[in-house]
Amino acid sequence: MNDNELFEQARRRVQNKQKGRCVRNKDVIIDQEKEIQYYREKIQTMMKERELDKELEIEINNEEYLIKYNNNTDAVVLNTYLTKLVHDKELYRIEKNNEFKIINKTRMEKESFIYCI
């Protein structure tokens, strides 16, 4: 689509919102700016939810682990996957839907498998 077609599409959408009344270019621009602002705020909210704001480094069986997680991470689930990573010598990292990451820093140098949930 070229720019004129996109503008006419936006004009029709705004006109439908205003119940068929005649719309000016200013109305279309304002509507588009509101929509852009809405999506910017939505993206910012989603990015904040994905941030892993807590970090913990521990050593288990002479191996170093880095755990990154959120406030809303379930401790039981996190512990379960930490146990899985400790016992499965093929893995070096486990991630779950941007909720947490567990990294075995010692094994990471060997480039084993990654387990993503």
N, C-alpha and C. Protein backbone atom coordinates (compact mmCIF):
# COMPACT_ATOMS: atom_id res chain seq x y z
N MET A 1 0.84 -1.19 0.00
CA MET A 1 0.00 0.00 0.00
C MET A 1 0.88 1.24 0.00
N ASN A 2 0.45 2.24 -0.76
CA ASN A 2 1.20 3.49 -0.74
C ASN A 2 0.63 4.42 0.35
N ASP A 3 1.28 5.55 0.52
CA ASP A 3 0.91 6.47 1.61
C ASP A 3 -0.52 6.99 1.48
N ASN A 4 -0.95 7.28 0.26
CA ASN A 4 -2.32 7.80 0.06
C ASN A 4 -3.37 6.77 0.45
N GLU A 5 -3.12 5.51 0.09
CA GLU A 5 -4.07 4.45 0.44
C GLU A 5 -4.14 4.26 1.96
N LEU A 6 -2.99 4.32 2.60
CA LEU A 6 -2.97 4.20 4.06
C LEU A 6 -3.70 5.35 4.72
N PHE A 7 -3.51 6.56 4.21
CA PHE A 7 -4.20 7.72 4.78
C PHE A 7 -5.71 7.60 4.59
N GLU A 8 -6.15 7.17 3.43
CA GLU A 8 -7.58 7.00 3.18
C GLU A 8 -8.17 5.91 4.06
N GLN A 9 -7.42 4.87 4.28
CA GLN A 9 -7.86 3.80 5.18
C GLN A 9 -8.04 4.35 6.60
N ALA A 10 -7.08 5.13 7.06
CA ALA A 10 -7.18 5.75 8.39
C ALA A 10 -8.36 6.72 8.45
N ARG A 11 -8.57 7.48 7.37
CA ARG A 11 -9.69 8.42 7.32
C ARG A 11 -11.03 7.69 7.44
N ARG A 12 -11.17 6.58 6.71
CA ARG A 12 -12.42 5.80 6.78
C ARG A 12 -12.65 5.25 8.19
N ARG A 13 -11.57 4.77 8.81
CA ARG A 13 -11.70 4.23 10.17
C ARG A 13 -12.13 5.32 11.15
N VAL A 14 -11.54 6.50 11.04
CA VAL A 14 -11.90 7.61 11.93
C VAL A 14 -13.33 8.05 11.63
N GLN A 15 -13.69 8.07 10.38
CA GLN A 15 -15.05 8.47 10.00
C GLN A 15 -16.07 7.48 10.57
N ASN A 16 -15.76 6.21 10.57
CA ASN A 16 -16.65 5.21 11.17
C ASN A 16 -16.77 5.41 12.67
N LYS A 17 -15.68 5.81 13.32
CA LYS A 17 -15.73 6.09 14.75
C LYS A 17 -16.61 7.28 15.05
N GLN A 18 -16.61 8.27 14.16
CA GLN A 18 -17.39 9.48 14.39
C GLN A 18 -18.78 9.39 13.77
N LYS A 19 -19.24 8.19 13.55
CA LYS A 19 -20.60 7.92 13.06
C LYS A 19 -20.89 8.58 11.70
N GLY A 20 -19.93 8.51 10.79
CA GLY A 20 -20.17 8.97 9.43
C GLY A 20 -20.03 10.46 9.22
N ARG A 21 -19.73 11.22 10.25
CA ARG A 21 -19.53 12.66 10.06
C ARG A 21 -18.28 12.91 9.25
N CYS A 22 -18.23 14.04 8.64
CA CYS A 22 -17.07 14.44 7.85
C CYS A 22 -15.87 14.64 8.78
N VAL A 23 -14.75 14.10 8.40
CA VAL A 23 -13.54 14.24 9.23
C VAL A 23 -12.52 15.10 8.50
N ARG A 24 -11.76 15.83 9.27
CA ARG A 24 -10.68 16.65 8.73
C ARG A 24 -9.37 15.89 8.87
N ASN A 25 -8.37 16.36 8.17
CA ASN A 25 -7.05 15.74 8.28
C ASN A 25 -6.55 15.79 9.71
N LYS A 26 -6.87 16.88 10.41
CA LYS A 26 -6.47 17.04 11.81
C LYS A 26 -7.05 15.90 12.66
N ASP A 27 -8.31 15.54 12.41
CA ASP A 27 -8.95 14.45 13.16
C ASP A 27 -8.23 13.12 12.95
N VAL A 28 -7.84 12.88 11.71
CA VAL A 28 -7.14 11.63 11.39
C VAL A 28 -5.79 11.60 12.08
N ILE A 29 -5.07 12.71 12.04
CA ILE A 29 -3.74 12.78 12.66
C ILE A 29 -3.85 12.59 14.17
N ILE A 30 -4.80 13.25 14.80
CA ILE A 30 -4.99 13.12 16.24
C ILE A 30 -5.32 11.69 16.61
N ASP A 31 -6.20 11.06 15.85
CA ASP A 31 -6.56 9.67 16.12
C ASP A 31 -5.35 8.75 15.99
N GLN A 32 -4.55 8.96 14.97
CA GLN A 32 -3.36 8.14 14.77
C GLN A 32 -2.35 8.34 15.91
N GLU A 33 -2.19 9.57 16.37
CA GLU A 33 -1.27 9.85 17.47
C GLU A 33 -1.75 9.18 18.76
N LYS A 34 -3.05 9.19 19.01
CA LYS A 34 -3.59 8.52 20.20
C LYS A 34 -3.32 7.02 20.13
N GLU A 35 -3.50 6.46 18.94
CA GLU A 35 -3.26 5.03 18.76
C GLU A 35 -1.78 4.69 18.96
N ILE A 36 -0.90 5.53 18.43
CA ILE A 36 0.54 5.33 18.61
C ILE A 36 0.89 5.39 20.09
N GLN A 37 0.35 6.37 20.79
CA GLN A 37 0.62 6.51 22.23
C GLN A 37 0.12 5.29 23.00
N TYR A 38 -1.06 4.80 22.65
CA TYR A 38 -1.62 3.61 23.30
C TYR A 38 -0.67 2.43 23.16
N TYR A 39 -0.16 2.19 21.94
CA TYR A 39 0.72 1.05 21.72
C TYR A 39 2.09 1.24 22.36
N ARG A 40 2.58 2.47 22.42
CA ARG A 40 3.85 2.73 23.13
C ARG A 40 3.71 2.36 24.61
N GLU A 41 2.61 2.78 25.22
CA GLU A 41 2.38 2.47 26.63
C GLU A 41 2.23 0.96 26.85
N LYS A 42 1.54 0.31 25.93
CA LYS A 42 1.36 -1.14 26.01
C LYS A 42 2.71 -1.87 25.93
N ILE A 43 3.56 -1.44 25.02
CA ILE A 43 4.88 -2.05 24.86
C ILE A 43 5.73 -1.82 26.10
N GLN A 44 5.69 -0.60 26.66
CA GLN A 44 6.46 -0.31 27.87
C GLN A 44 6.00 -1.19 29.03
N THR A 45 4.70 -1.37 29.17
CA THR A 45 4.17 -2.23 30.22
C THR A 45 4.64 -3.67 30.05
N MET A 46 4.61 -4.16 28.81
CA MET A 46 5.05 -5.52 28.54
C MET A 46 6.54 -5.69 28.81
N MET A 47 7.33 -4.69 28.48
CA MET A 47 8.77 -4.76 28.71
C MET A 47 9.09 -4.77 30.20
N LYS A 48 8.34 -4.02 31.00
CA LYS A 48 8.56 -4.01 32.44
C LYS A 48 8.25 -5.37 33.04
N GLU A 49 7.22 -6.04 32.53
CA GLU A 49 6.85 -7.36 33.03
C GLU A 49 7.90 -8.39 32.70
N ARG A 50 8.64 -8.19 31.62
CA ARG A 50 9.62 -9.17 31.19
C ARG A 50 10.98 -9.01 31.86
N GLU A 51 11.19 -7.91 32.52
CA GLU A 51 12.48 -7.69 33.15
C GLU A 51 12.69 -8.65 34.31
N LEU A 52 13.85 -9.24 34.34
CA LEU A 52 14.23 -10.11 35.46
C LEU A 52 15.03 -9.24 36.42
N ASP A 53 14.37 -8.78 37.48
CA ASP A 53 14.98 -7.76 38.32
C ASP A 53 15.75 -8.31 39.53
N LYS A 54 15.61 -9.58 39.84
CA LYS A 54 16.34 -10.18 40.96
C LYS A 54 17.44 -11.08 40.42
N GLU A 55 18.55 -11.13 41.14
CA GLU A 55 19.67 -11.95 40.71
C GLU A 55 20.34 -12.59 41.92
N LEU A 56 20.73 -13.85 41.76
CA LEU A 56 21.34 -14.59 42.85
C LEU A 56 22.44 -15.48 42.28
N GLU A 57 23.60 -15.46 42.90
CA GLU A 57 24.69 -16.36 42.52
C GLU A 57 24.96 -17.33 43.66
N ILE A 58 24.99 -18.62 43.33
CA ILE A 58 25.26 -19.64 44.35
C ILE A 58 26.23 -20.67 43.79
N GLU A 59 26.80 -21.46 44.69
CA GLU A 59 27.68 -22.54 44.29
C GLU A 59 27.14 -23.85 44.86
N ILE A 60 26.96 -24.84 43.98
CA ILE A 60 26.47 -26.16 44.38
C ILE A 60 27.39 -27.19 43.74
N ASN A 61 27.90 -28.11 44.53
CA ASN A 61 28.78 -29.17 44.03
C ASN A 61 29.95 -28.62 43.21
N ASN A 62 30.56 -27.58 43.70
CA ASN A 62 31.71 -26.94 43.03
C ASN A 62 31.37 -26.38 41.65
N GLU A 63 30.11 -26.06 41.40
CA GLU A 63 29.71 -25.42 40.16
C GLU A 63 28.98 -24.11 40.51
N GLU A 64 29.24 -23.09 39.74
CA GLU A 64 28.62 -21.78 39.98
C GLU A 64 27.33 -21.66 39.18
N TYR A 65 26.29 -21.13 39.84
CA TYR A 65 24.99 -20.93 39.21
C TYR A 65 24.58 -19.47 39.33
N LEU A 66 23.98 -18.95 38.29
CA LEU A 66 23.42 -17.61 38.28
C LEU A 66 21.91 -17.77 38.08
N ILE A 67 21.14 -17.20 39.00
CA ILE A 67 19.68 -17.29 38.93
C ILE A 67 19.12 -15.88 38.79
N LYS A 68 18.36 -15.65 37.73
CA LYS A 68 17.68 -14.38 37.52
C LYS A 68 16.18 -14.65 37.54
N TYR A 69 15.43 -13.81 38.27
CA TYR A 69 14.01 -14.08 38.43
C TYR A 69 13.25 -12.78 38.74
N ASN A 70 11.92 -12.87 38.74
CA ASN A 70 11.02 -11.75 39.04
C ASN A 70 10.47 -11.90 40.45
N ASN A 71 9.78 -10.87 40.90
CA ASN A 71 9.08 -10.94 42.20
C ASN A 71 7.98 -11.99 42.19
N ASN A 72 7.35 -12.17 41.04
CA ASN A 72 6.21 -13.09 40.97
C ASN A 72 6.60 -14.53 40.62
N THR A 73 7.89 -14.83 40.62
CA THR A 73 8.35 -16.18 40.32
C THR A 73 8.00 -17.12 41.47
N ASP A 74 7.43 -18.26 41.13
CA ASP A 74 7.08 -19.27 42.12
C ASP A 74 8.35 -19.96 42.61
N ALA A 75 8.64 -19.86 43.89
CA ALA A 75 9.88 -20.39 44.47
C ALA A 75 9.97 -21.91 44.32
N VAL A 76 8.84 -22.60 44.42
CA VAL A 76 8.85 -24.06 44.30
C VAL A 76 9.23 -24.47 42.88
N VAL A 77 8.65 -23.80 41.90
CA VAL A 77 8.97 -24.11 40.50
C VAL A 77 10.44 -23.79 40.21
N LEU A 78 10.89 -22.66 40.71
CA LEU A 78 12.29 -22.27 40.52
C LEU A 78 13.23 -23.31 41.13
N ASN A 79 12.92 -23.76 42.31
CA ASN A 79 13.74 -24.78 42.99
C ASN A 79 13.72 -26.10 42.23
N THR A 80 12.58 -26.46 41.69
CA THR A 80 12.45 -27.70 40.92
C THR A 80 13.39 -27.68 39.72
N TYR A 81 13.36 -26.56 38.98
CA TYR A 81 14.21 -26.49 37.79
C TYR A 81 15.69 -26.33 38.14
N LEU A 82 15.98 -25.71 39.27
CA LEU A 82 17.36 -25.65 39.73
C LEU A 82 17.87 -27.06 40.02
N THR A 83 17.06 -27.87 40.67
CA THR A 83 17.41 -29.26 40.96
C THR A 83 17.63 -30.03 39.66
N LYS A 84 16.76 -29.80 38.69
CA LYS A 84 16.90 -30.47 37.39
C LYS A 84 18.22 -30.09 36.74
N LEU A 85 18.58 -28.82 36.79
CA LEU A 85 19.82 -28.36 36.19
C LEU A 85 21.04 -28.93 36.91
N VAL A 86 20.96 -29.04 38.22
CA VAL A 86 22.08 -29.59 39.00
C VAL A 86 22.32 -31.05 38.63
N HIS A 87 21.26 -31.82 38.46
CA HIS A 87 21.39 -33.25 38.21
C HIS A 87 21.60 -33.62 36.75
N ASP A 88 21.12 -32.81 35.83
CA ASP A 88 21.27 -33.12 34.41
C ASP A 88 22.57 -32.48 33.91
N LYS A 89 23.59 -33.27 33.76
CA LYS A 89 24.92 -32.78 33.41
C LYS A 89 25.03 -32.29 31.97
N GLU A 90 24.02 -32.56 31.14
CA GLU A 90 24.03 -32.12 29.75
C GLU A 90 23.59 -30.66 29.60
N LEU A 91 22.81 -30.17 30.54
CA LEU A 91 22.26 -28.82 30.47
C LEU A 91 23.18 -27.80 31.12
N TYR A 92 23.13 -26.58 30.61
CA TYR A 92 23.82 -25.50 31.32
C TYR A 92 22.91 -24.31 31.59
N ARG A 93 21.71 -24.30 30.98
CA ARG A 93 20.80 -23.17 31.19
C ARG A 93 19.35 -23.62 31.05
N ILE A 94 18.49 -23.09 31.93
CA ILE A 94 17.04 -23.33 31.85
C ILE A 94 16.35 -21.98 31.92
N GLU A 95 15.41 -21.76 31.01
CA GLU A 95 14.63 -20.53 30.98
C GLU A 95 13.14 -20.87 30.97
N LYS A 96 12.34 -20.01 31.58
CA LYS A 96 10.90 -20.21 31.54
C LYS A 96 10.19 -18.89 31.23
N ASN A 97 9.70 -18.75 30.02
CA ASN A 97 8.83 -17.65 29.59
C ASN A 97 9.17 -16.29 30.21
N ASN A 98 10.40 -15.92 30.20
CA ASN A 98 10.85 -14.66 30.80
C ASN A 98 10.46 -14.52 32.26
N GLU A 99 10.18 -15.64 32.91
CA GLU A 99 9.87 -15.62 34.34
C GLU A 99 11.15 -15.83 35.16
N PHE A 100 12.02 -16.71 34.65
CA PHE A 100 13.31 -16.90 35.31
C PHE A 100 14.31 -17.51 34.35
N LYS A 101 15.59 -17.37 34.71
CA LYS A 101 16.70 -18.01 34.01
C LYS A 101 17.63 -18.58 35.06
N ILE A 102 18.04 -19.81 34.84
CA ILE A 102 19.04 -20.43 35.71
C ILE A 102 20.20 -20.84 34.81
N ILE A 103 21.38 -20.36 35.12
CA ILE A 103 22.55 -20.61 34.28
C ILE A 103 23.64 -21.27 35.13
N ASN A 104 24.15 -22.37 34.63
CA ASN A 104 25.31 -23.00 35.24
C ASN A 104 26.53 -22.39 34.56
N LYS A 105 27.17 -21.47 35.25
CA LYS A 105 28.29 -20.74 34.67
C LYS A 105 29.49 -21.65 34.40
N THR A 106 29.65 -22.68 35.20
CA THR A 106 30.77 -23.60 35.04
C THR A 106 30.61 -24.42 33.76
N ARG A 107 29.42 -24.93 33.52
CA ARG A 107 29.18 -25.76 32.32
C ARG A 107 29.02 -24.93 31.07
N MET A 108 28.70 -23.67 31.22
CA MET A 108 28.45 -22.82 30.05
C MET A 108 29.66 -22.78 29.13
N GLU A 109 30.83 -22.88 29.69
CA GLU A 109 32.04 -22.88 28.88
C GLU A 109 32.11 -24.09 27.96
N LYS A 110 31.49 -25.19 28.37
CA LYS A 110 31.50 -26.41 27.57
C LYS A 110 30.42 -26.42 26.50
N GLU A 111 29.50 -25.45 26.55
CA GLU A 111 28.40 -25.32 25.60
C GLU A 111 27.55 -26.58 25.52
N SER A 112 26.89 -26.90 26.61
CA SER A 112 25.96 -28.01 26.65
C SER A 112 24.61 -27.56 26.08
N PHE A 113 23.54 -28.26 26.40
CA PHE A 113 22.21 -27.97 25.88
C PHE A 113 21.48 -26.93 26.73
N ILE A 114 20.56 -26.24 26.08
CA ILE A 114 19.69 -25.28 26.77
C ILE A 114 18.30 -25.88 26.84
N TYR A 115 17.65 -25.77 27.98
CA TYR A 115 16.30 -26.28 28.18
C TYR A 115 15.36 -25.08 28.36
N CYS A 116 14.53 -24.81 27.37
CA CYS A 116 13.59 -23.69 27.42
C CYS A 116 12.19 -24.21 27.65
N ILE A 117 11.47 -23.56 28.55
CA ILE A 117 10.12 -23.96 28.89
C ILE A 117 9.15 -23.00 28.27
